[in-house]
């Protein structure tokens, strides 16, 4: 794991303190998705994931 990956993990740990592992994975995937490729397409996928999580909670 590179230094930047470790820093990202630490940041995500702070942001997700007290949340379940699924939430942490979601946040990590969202951040990584926005870094790679077509950001607008990725943001659309993030929105889809958010909607699925909302439905799951209901």
Protein backbone atom coordinates (compact mmCIF):
# COMPACT_ATOMS: atom_id res chain seq x y z
CA UNK A 1 0.00 0.00 0.00
CA UNK A 2 1.39 3.38 -0.98
CA UNK A 3 1.61 6.38 1.30
CA UNK A 4 -1.34 8.03 -0.48
CA UNK A 5 -3.44 4.89 -0.12
CA UNK A 6 -2.66 4.79 3.60
CA UNK A 7 -3.59 8.45 3.95
CA UNK A 8 -6.84 7.82 2.10
CA UNK A 9 -7.64 4.88 4.39
CA UNK A 10 -6.99 7.04 7.47
CA UNK A 11 -9.21 9.81 6.12
CA UNK A 12 -11.99 7.37 5.33
CA UNK A 13 -11.66 5.86 8.81
CA UNK A 14 -12.14 9.31 10.33
CA UNK A 15 -15.08 10.15 8.05
CA UNK A 16 -16.77 6.82 8.75
CA UNK A 17 -16.16 6.53 12.48
CA UNK A 18 -19.06 4.70 14.08
CA UNK A 19 -20.47 3.47 10.76
CA UNK A 20 -20.71 -0.07 9.50
CA UNK A 21 -18.10 -1.52 7.10
CA UNK A 22 -20.53 -1.35 4.16
CA UNK A 23 -20.77 2.42 4.56
CA UNK A 24 -16.99 2.71 4.71
CA UNK A 25 -16.66 0.66 1.51
CA UNK A 26 -19.26 2.86 -0.17
CA UNK A 27 -17.39 6.06 0.70
CA UNK A 28 -14.07 4.58 -0.42
CA UNK A 29 -15.53 3.43 -3.74
CA UNK A 30 -17.14 6.83 -4.27
CA UNK A 31 -13.85 8.64 -3.74
CA UNK A 32 -11.90 6.24 -5.94
CA UNK A 33 -14.54 6.46 -8.67
CA UNK A 34 -14.32 10.21 -8.79
CA UNK A 35 -10.55 10.06 -9.23
CA UNK A 36 -10.62 7.79 -12.28
CA UNK A 37 -12.04 8.24 -15.76
CA UNK A 38 -15.16 10.16 -16.68
CA UNK A 39 -16.13 11.89 -13.45
CA UNK A 40 -19.70 12.65 -14.56
CA UNK A 41 -20.38 9.04 -15.49
CA UNK A 42 -18.90 7.95 -12.20
CA UNK A 43 -21.01 10.46 -10.29
CA UNK A 44 -24.10 9.00 -11.95
CA UNK A 45 -23.10 5.55 -10.74
CA UNK A 46 -22.56 6.95 -7.24
CA UNK A 47 -26.08 8.36 -7.34
CA UNK A 48 -27.42 4.94 -8.31
CA UNK A 49 -25.56 3.33 -5.41
CA UNK A 50 -26.92 5.95 -3.03
CA UNK A 51 -30.47 5.23 -4.13
CA UNK A 52 -29.94 1.49 -3.67
CA UNK A 53 -28.62 2.07 -0.14
CA UNK A 54 -31.61 4.26 0.71
CA UNK A 55 -34.01 1.55 -0.50
CA UNK A 56 -32.10 -1.09 1.46
CA UNK A 57 -32.48 0.93 4.68
CA UNK A 58 -36.26 1.22 4.22
